[in-house]
Protein backbone atom coordinates (compact mmCIF):
# COMPACT_ATOMS: atom_id res chain seq x y z
CA UNK A 1 11.54 -7.25 -13.73
CA UNK A 2 10.17 -4.77 -11.49
CA UNK A 3 7.28 -2.47 -12.66
CA UNK A 4 8.23 1.31 -13.29
CA UNK A 5 6.91 3.32 -10.39
CA UNK A 6 8.15 6.59 -11.73
CA UNK A 7 5.51 8.90 -11.16
CA UNK A 8 3.61 6.90 -8.17
CA UNK A 9 1.86 9.36 -6.01
CA UNK A 10 2.43 7.28 -2.68
CA UNK A 11 -0.26 8.29 0.57
CA UNK A 12 -0.80 7.47 3.98
CA UNK A 13 -4.32 6.95 5.58
CA UNK A 14 -5.55 10.11 6.85
CA UNK A 15 -6.05 7.83 10.13
CA UNK A 16 -2.30 7.44 10.33
CA UNK A 17 -0.08 9.56 12.77
CA UNK A 18 3.39 10.26 12.86
CA UNK A 19 3.87 8.47 16.11
CA UNK A 20 6.42 5.34 15.58
CA UNK A 21 6.07 5.90 12.07
CA UNK A 22 5.12 2.20 11.30
CA UNK A 23 3.19 2.96 8.43
CA UNK A 24 2.87 1.89 4.65
CA UNK A 25 1.91 3.97 1.89
CA UNK A 26 -0.10 3.29 -1.13
CA UNK A 27 0.19 4.46 -4.80
CA UNK A 28 -3.27 3.93 -6.64
CA UNK A 29 -2.69 6.46 -9.84
CA UNK A 30 -0.56 3.77 -12.00
CA UNK A 31 -2.79 2.34 -14.75
CA UNK A 32 -3.24 -1.34 -13.74
CA UNK A 33 -1.11 -1.53 -10.50
CA UNK A 34 -1.31 -0.44 -6.99
CA UNK A 35 1.77 -0.21 -5.05
CA UNK A 36 2.73 -0.40 -1.45
CA UNK A 37 5.79 0.90 0.52
CA UNK A 38 7.22 1.15 3.86
CA UNK A 39 6.71 4.73 4.82
CA UNK A 40 10.25 4.44 6.89
CA UNK A 41 11.97 3.47 3.50
CA UNK A 42 10.32 5.55 0.68
CA UNK A 43 13.56 4.64 -1.74
CA UNK A 44 13.06 1.03 -0.71
CA UNK A 45 11.13 -1.93 -2.37
CA UNK A 46 7.35 -1.72 -2.97
CA UNK A 47 5.18 -4.33 -3.32
CA UNK A 48 2.80 -4.35 -6.33
CA UNK A 49 -0.74 -5.68 -6.90
CA UNK A 50 -3.27 -5.50 -9.52
CA UNK A 51 -6.25 -3.50 -8.65
CA UNK A 52 -8.55 -6.80 -8.41
CA UNK A 53 -6.11 -8.01 -5.83
CA UNK A 54 -5.73 -4.90 -3.84
CA UNK A 55 -9.51 -4.75 -3.59
CA UNK A 56 -9.63 -8.12 -2.55
CA UNK A 57 -7.00 -7.66 0.37
CA UNK A 58 -8.85 -4.47 1.69
CA UNK A 59 -12.05 -6.17 1.56
CA UNK A 60 -10.50 -8.92 3.92
CA UNK A 61 -9.15 -6.50 5.89
CA UNK A 62 -12.37 -4.77 6.58
CA UNK A 63 -14.19 -8.04 7.33
CA UNK A 64 -11.58 -8.71 10.10
CA UNK A 65 -10.27 -11.65 8.08
CA UNK A 66 -6.61 -11.17 9.36
CA UNK A 67 -7.68 -10.36 12.86
CA UNK A 68 -5.80 -12.24 15.67
CA UNK A 69 -8.29 -13.81 18.16
């Protein structure tokens, strides 16, 4: 069952440019849910996370856990 994303307010990073349009958009305004979608396909599927899962992911991104050597 897919969560109801009606009312989700998606946004891109302010560091994102329109060049190449390889961006993700994130909605954090829904209670208990963070939604992520591809900016090239706004009506397509979205991944959903709990706020705790999203914070954990962003924390690992910020520490370089996913950087390739």
